[in-house]
N, C-alpha and C. Protein backbone atom coordinates (compact mmCIF):
# COMPACT_ATOMS: atom_id res chain seq x y z
N MET A 1 57.00 -11.85 12.47
CA MET A 1 57.46 -11.59 13.82
C MET A 1 56.25 -11.27 14.70
N LYS A 2 56.10 -11.96 15.80
CA LYS A 2 54.98 -11.75 16.70
C LYS A 2 55.17 -10.48 17.52
N LEU A 3 54.04 -9.82 17.80
CA LEU A 3 54.07 -8.63 18.65
C LEU A 3 53.93 -9.06 20.11
N ASN A 4 54.59 -8.32 21.01
CA ASN A 4 54.38 -8.59 22.43
C ASN A 4 53.13 -7.83 22.89
N ARG A 5 52.74 -7.99 24.14
CA ARG A 5 51.50 -7.40 24.65
C ARG A 5 51.51 -5.87 24.54
N SER A 6 52.62 -5.24 24.87
CA SER A 6 52.71 -3.78 24.78
C SER A 6 52.59 -3.31 23.34
N GLN A 7 53.21 -4.02 22.43
CA GLN A 7 53.13 -3.64 21.03
C GLN A 7 51.71 -3.80 20.49
N MET A 8 51.02 -4.85 20.91
CA MET A 8 49.63 -5.03 20.48
C MET A 8 48.74 -3.90 21.00
N ALA A 9 48.93 -3.53 22.27
CA ALA A 9 48.14 -2.45 22.86
C ALA A 9 48.44 -1.13 22.14
N TRP A 10 49.72 -0.86 21.86
CA TRP A 10 50.09 0.36 21.15
C TRP A 10 49.44 0.39 19.78
N ARG A 11 49.49 -0.74 19.07
CA ARG A 11 48.95 -0.79 17.71
C ARG A 11 47.44 -0.51 17.71
N ALA A 12 46.72 -1.12 18.62
CA ALA A 12 45.27 -0.90 18.71
C ALA A 12 44.97 0.56 19.00
N ALA A 13 45.77 1.19 19.85
CA ALA A 13 45.53 2.59 20.22
C ALA A 13 45.71 3.55 19.04
N GLN A 14 46.48 3.16 18.04
CA GLN A 14 46.73 4.05 16.91
C GLN A 14 45.50 4.23 16.03
N ASP A 15 44.52 3.35 16.16
CA ASP A 15 43.29 3.44 15.35
C ASP A 15 42.16 4.16 16.06
N ILE A 16 42.42 4.70 17.24
CA ILE A 16 41.38 5.38 18.01
C ILE A 16 41.23 6.82 17.51
N ALA A 17 39.99 7.21 17.29
CA ALA A 17 39.71 8.56 16.79
C ALA A 17 39.41 9.52 17.95
N ASP A 18 39.70 10.78 17.73
CA ASP A 18 39.41 11.81 18.71
C ASP A 18 37.91 11.83 19.00
N GLY A 19 37.54 11.93 20.28
CA GLY A 19 36.15 12.01 20.68
C GLY A 19 35.44 10.67 20.81
N ALA A 20 36.15 9.58 20.60
CA ALA A 20 35.53 8.25 20.62
C ALA A 20 35.16 7.82 22.05
N LEU A 21 34.11 7.02 22.13
CA LEU A 21 33.72 6.33 23.36
C LEU A 21 34.14 4.87 23.17
N ILE A 22 35.03 4.40 24.02
CA ILE A 22 35.70 3.12 23.82
C ILE A 22 35.48 2.20 25.00
N ASN A 23 35.01 1.00 24.71
CA ASN A 23 34.90 -0.04 25.73
C ASN A 23 36.15 -0.88 25.68
N LEU A 24 36.82 -1.02 26.81
CA LEU A 24 38.01 -1.85 26.90
C LEU A 24 37.68 -3.13 27.66
N GLY A 25 37.90 -4.26 27.02
CA GLY A 25 37.67 -5.55 27.66
C GLY A 25 38.71 -5.82 28.73
N ILE A 26 38.51 -6.88 29.46
CA ILE A 26 39.42 -7.27 30.54
C ILE A 26 40.69 -7.87 29.95
N GLY A 27 41.80 -7.67 30.63
CA GLY A 27 43.07 -8.24 30.20
C GLY A 27 43.86 -7.24 29.38
N LEU A 28 44.46 -7.71 28.32
CA LEU A 28 45.29 -6.88 27.46
C LEU A 28 44.59 -5.60 26.99
N PRO A 29 43.30 -5.64 26.65
CA PRO A 29 42.67 -4.41 26.14
C PRO A 29 42.78 -3.19 27.07
N VAL A 30 42.79 -3.38 28.38
CA VAL A 30 42.88 -2.21 29.26
C VAL A 30 44.21 -1.47 29.08
N ALA A 31 45.23 -2.16 28.59
CA ALA A 31 46.53 -1.52 28.36
C ALA A 31 46.47 -0.53 27.20
N VAL A 32 45.48 -0.64 26.34
CA VAL A 32 45.36 0.27 25.20
C VAL A 32 45.27 1.71 25.68
N ALA A 33 44.63 1.95 26.81
CA ALA A 33 44.48 3.31 27.34
C ALA A 33 45.84 3.97 27.58
N ASP A 34 46.86 3.18 27.85
CA ASP A 34 48.20 3.72 28.11
C ASP A 34 48.88 4.23 26.85
N TYR A 35 48.35 3.90 25.69
CA TYR A 35 49.02 4.22 24.44
C TYR A 35 48.22 5.12 23.50
N VAL A 36 47.14 5.71 23.99
CA VAL A 36 46.35 6.61 23.14
C VAL A 36 47.24 7.79 22.77
N PRO A 37 47.30 8.12 21.48
CA PRO A 37 48.16 9.23 21.06
C PRO A 37 47.82 10.53 21.82
N GLU A 38 48.86 11.25 22.17
CA GLU A 38 48.69 12.51 22.90
C GLU A 38 47.85 13.49 22.09
N GLY A 39 47.00 14.20 22.79
CA GLY A 39 46.16 15.20 22.14
C GLY A 39 44.76 14.71 21.80
N LEU A 40 44.54 13.39 21.87
CA LEU A 40 43.20 12.87 21.61
C LEU A 40 42.38 12.94 22.89
N ASP A 41 41.13 13.34 22.78
CA ASP A 41 40.21 13.36 23.91
C ASP A 41 39.22 12.22 23.71
N VAL A 42 39.40 11.15 24.46
CA VAL A 42 38.54 9.98 24.34
C VAL A 42 37.96 9.62 25.70
N PHE A 43 36.81 8.96 25.67
CA PHE A 43 36.18 8.45 26.88
C PHE A 43 36.29 6.94 26.87
N PHE A 44 36.72 6.38 27.99
CA PHE A 44 36.76 4.93 28.13
C PHE A 44 35.59 4.48 28.99
N GLN A 45 34.98 3.38 28.58
CA GLN A 45 33.85 2.80 29.30
C GLN A 45 34.27 1.43 29.79
N SER A 46 34.01 1.17 31.05
CA SER A 46 34.30 -0.14 31.64
C SER A 46 32.98 -0.88 31.81
N GLU A 47 33.00 -2.16 31.50
CA GLU A 47 31.76 -2.95 31.50
C GLU A 47 31.04 -2.96 32.84
N ASN A 48 31.75 -2.68 33.92
CA ASN A 48 31.09 -2.67 35.22
C ASN A 48 30.33 -1.38 35.48
N GLY A 49 30.29 -0.47 34.48
CA GLY A 49 29.42 0.69 34.60
C GLY A 49 30.08 2.03 34.74
N VAL A 50 31.37 2.12 34.49
CA VAL A 50 32.05 3.40 34.58
C VAL A 50 32.22 3.96 33.17
N VAL A 51 31.63 5.12 32.93
CA VAL A 51 31.80 5.80 31.65
C VAL A 51 32.62 7.05 31.94
N GLY A 52 33.84 7.05 31.45
CA GLY A 52 34.77 8.14 31.75
C GLY A 52 35.86 7.68 32.70
N VAL A 53 36.38 6.48 32.44
CA VAL A 53 37.48 5.95 33.25
C VAL A 53 38.70 6.84 33.04
N GLY A 54 39.29 7.26 34.13
CA GLY A 54 40.52 8.04 34.08
C GLY A 54 41.72 7.14 34.26
N PRO A 55 42.87 7.74 34.52
CA PRO A 55 44.08 6.95 34.72
C PRO A 55 43.97 6.05 35.96
N LEU A 56 44.86 5.08 36.03
CA LEU A 56 44.92 4.25 37.24
C LEU A 56 45.18 5.15 38.44
N ALA A 57 44.63 4.78 39.57
CA ALA A 57 44.80 5.57 40.79
C ALA A 57 46.21 5.38 41.35
N ALA A 58 46.79 6.47 41.81
CA ALA A 58 48.08 6.39 42.49
C ALA A 58 47.88 5.62 43.80
N PRO A 59 48.91 4.93 44.26
CA PRO A 59 48.75 4.12 45.48
C PRO A 59 48.16 4.88 46.67
N ASP A 60 48.47 6.15 46.81
CA ASP A 60 47.95 6.93 47.94
C ASP A 60 46.58 7.55 47.66
N LYS A 61 46.02 7.31 46.48
CA LYS A 61 44.72 7.87 46.09
C LYS A 61 43.69 6.79 45.76
N ILE A 62 43.94 5.56 46.13
CA ILE A 62 43.04 4.46 45.79
C ILE A 62 41.73 4.57 46.57
N ASP A 63 40.63 4.50 45.85
CA ASP A 63 39.29 4.40 46.42
C ASP A 63 38.79 3.01 46.03
N THR A 64 38.63 2.13 46.98
CA THR A 64 38.28 0.74 46.68
C THR A 64 36.92 0.59 46.02
N ASP A 65 36.12 1.65 46.01
CA ASP A 65 34.83 1.61 45.30
C ASP A 65 34.98 1.96 43.82
N LEU A 66 36.13 2.46 43.42
CA LEU A 66 36.37 2.84 42.03
C LEU A 66 37.35 1.87 41.39
N VAL A 67 36.80 0.90 40.67
CA VAL A 67 37.63 -0.09 39.97
C VAL A 67 37.06 -0.30 38.57
N ASP A 68 37.92 -0.76 37.67
CA ASP A 68 37.43 -1.11 36.33
C ASP A 68 36.96 -2.56 36.34
N ALA A 69 36.56 -3.07 35.20
CA ALA A 69 36.03 -4.43 35.11
C ALA A 69 37.07 -5.49 35.48
N GLY A 70 38.33 -5.13 35.42
CA GLY A 70 39.39 -6.05 35.82
C GLY A 70 39.84 -5.84 37.26
N SER A 71 39.08 -5.06 38.03
CA SER A 71 39.35 -4.76 39.45
C SER A 71 40.60 -3.92 39.67
N ARG A 72 41.04 -3.20 38.65
CA ARG A 72 42.17 -2.29 38.83
C ARG A 72 41.66 -0.98 39.42
N PRO A 73 42.38 -0.38 40.37
CA PRO A 73 41.93 0.89 40.96
C PRO A 73 42.06 2.02 39.93
N ILE A 74 40.97 2.74 39.72
CA ILE A 74 40.94 3.78 38.69
C ILE A 74 40.56 5.13 39.29
N THR A 75 40.62 6.12 38.45
CA THR A 75 40.10 7.45 38.77
C THR A 75 39.01 7.75 37.75
N LEU A 76 38.31 8.83 37.97
CA LEU A 76 37.28 9.28 37.03
C LEU A 76 37.76 10.54 36.35
N ARG A 77 37.54 10.64 35.05
CA ARG A 77 37.88 11.86 34.34
C ARG A 77 36.72 12.84 34.49
N PRO A 78 36.94 14.12 34.28
CA PRO A 78 35.84 15.08 34.34
C PRO A 78 34.72 14.68 33.37
N GLY A 79 33.49 14.74 33.85
CA GLY A 79 32.35 14.37 33.03
C GLY A 79 31.97 12.90 33.14
N ALA A 80 32.68 12.15 33.96
CA ALA A 80 32.41 10.72 34.10
C ALA A 80 31.06 10.49 34.77
N THR A 81 30.53 9.29 34.54
CA THR A 81 29.30 8.87 35.20
C THR A 81 29.40 7.40 35.52
N ILE A 82 28.62 6.97 36.48
CA ILE A 82 28.59 5.56 36.86
C ILE A 82 27.16 5.08 36.69
N VAL A 83 27.00 3.96 35.98
CA VAL A 83 25.69 3.37 35.73
C VAL A 83 25.71 1.92 36.18
N ASP A 84 24.53 1.32 36.28
CA ASP A 84 24.51 -0.09 36.66
C ASP A 84 24.91 -0.96 35.46
N SER A 85 25.15 -2.24 35.71
CA SER A 85 25.65 -3.11 34.64
C SER A 85 24.64 -3.29 33.52
N ALA A 86 23.34 -3.22 33.83
CA ALA A 86 22.34 -3.35 32.77
C ALA A 86 22.47 -2.19 31.78
N TRP A 87 22.61 -0.97 32.27
CA TRP A 87 22.80 0.19 31.39
C TRP A 87 24.12 0.07 30.64
N SER A 88 25.15 -0.39 31.33
CA SER A 88 26.46 -0.51 30.71
C SER A 88 26.40 -1.45 29.50
N PHE A 89 25.81 -2.62 29.69
CA PHE A 89 25.73 -3.57 28.58
C PHE A 89 24.73 -3.12 27.52
N ALA A 90 23.71 -2.35 27.92
CA ALA A 90 22.79 -1.80 26.93
C ALA A 90 23.52 -0.81 26.03
N MET A 91 24.46 -0.06 26.59
CA MET A 91 25.27 0.84 25.77
C MET A 91 26.08 0.06 24.75
N ILE A 92 26.67 -1.03 25.19
CA ILE A 92 27.51 -1.85 24.31
C ILE A 92 26.67 -2.52 23.24
N ARG A 93 25.64 -3.20 23.66
CA ARG A 93 24.82 -3.97 22.71
C ARG A 93 23.92 -3.09 21.87
N GLY A 94 23.65 -1.89 22.34
CA GLY A 94 22.75 -0.99 21.61
C GLY A 94 23.46 -0.13 20.58
N GLY A 95 24.75 -0.33 20.40
CA GLY A 95 25.47 0.42 19.38
C GLY A 95 25.85 1.84 19.79
N HIS A 96 25.93 2.11 21.09
CA HIS A 96 26.24 3.45 21.57
C HIS A 96 27.72 3.64 21.87
N ILE A 97 28.51 2.61 21.63
CA ILE A 97 29.95 2.65 21.85
C ILE A 97 30.61 2.73 20.47
N ASP A 98 31.59 3.60 20.31
CA ASP A 98 32.26 3.74 19.02
C ASP A 98 33.19 2.56 18.72
N VAL A 99 33.92 2.11 19.73
CA VAL A 99 34.90 1.04 19.54
C VAL A 99 34.89 0.14 20.77
N THR A 100 34.92 -1.16 20.54
CA THR A 100 35.11 -2.12 21.61
C THR A 100 36.38 -2.89 21.32
N ILE A 101 37.27 -2.94 22.30
CA ILE A 101 38.51 -3.68 22.13
C ILE A 101 38.44 -4.87 23.07
N LEU A 102 38.38 -6.05 22.48
CA LEU A 102 38.22 -7.28 23.24
C LEU A 102 39.51 -8.07 23.30
N GLY A 103 39.65 -8.82 24.35
CA GLY A 103 40.74 -9.78 24.45
C GLY A 103 40.22 -11.16 24.10
N ALA A 104 41.10 -12.08 24.02
CA ALA A 104 40.71 -13.46 23.72
C ALA A 104 41.65 -14.40 24.44
N PHE A 105 41.09 -15.50 24.94
CA PHE A 105 41.93 -16.49 25.59
C PHE A 105 42.66 -17.36 24.55
N GLU A 106 41.97 -17.64 23.47
CA GLU A 106 42.58 -18.46 22.43
C GLU A 106 42.18 -17.92 21.06
N VAL A 107 43.14 -17.90 20.16
CA VAL A 107 42.90 -17.48 18.79
C VAL A 107 43.50 -18.54 17.88
N ALA A 108 42.70 -19.00 16.92
CA ALA A 108 43.19 -20.00 15.98
C ALA A 108 44.20 -19.38 15.03
N GLU A 109 44.94 -20.19 14.36
CA GLU A 109 45.96 -19.72 13.42
C GLU A 109 45.37 -18.81 12.34
N ASN A 110 44.09 -19.06 11.97
CA ASN A 110 43.46 -18.23 10.94
C ASN A 110 42.78 -16.99 11.51
N GLY A 111 42.88 -16.75 12.82
CA GLY A 111 42.34 -15.55 13.44
C GLY A 111 40.98 -15.72 14.10
N ASP A 112 40.37 -16.91 14.00
CA ASP A 112 39.08 -17.15 14.67
C ASP A 112 39.26 -17.12 16.18
N LEU A 113 38.28 -16.51 16.87
CA LEU A 113 38.32 -16.48 18.32
C LEU A 113 37.61 -17.69 18.90
N ALA A 114 38.19 -18.25 19.95
CA ALA A 114 37.54 -19.33 20.67
C ALA A 114 36.57 -18.70 21.68
N ASN A 115 35.41 -19.30 21.84
CA ASN A 115 34.49 -18.78 22.86
C ASN A 115 33.71 -19.91 23.47
């Protein structure tokens, strides 16, 4: 039985450890933040340079300068920082992120990702 998008996001969130720094890719991966088990304190990093992404901004609290990599309006959690994209990708490629959750446009039947 295939999982729907919400079920996939929920399942991925169940493997997140307390205190983790997590990069969420564009698309389905950003939904993982909605399903992190209660009581866990995690930091989300967006590839556009936001470390400490908070919840989506309420319609009356939108700051057009604060968006995630998918251009969704976000807030900052306490302790957040904003860096340029070079630093952001250096964090990812340099092994400073605990977990990266990526999306894929196409996946083969055997699980290989198309790129």
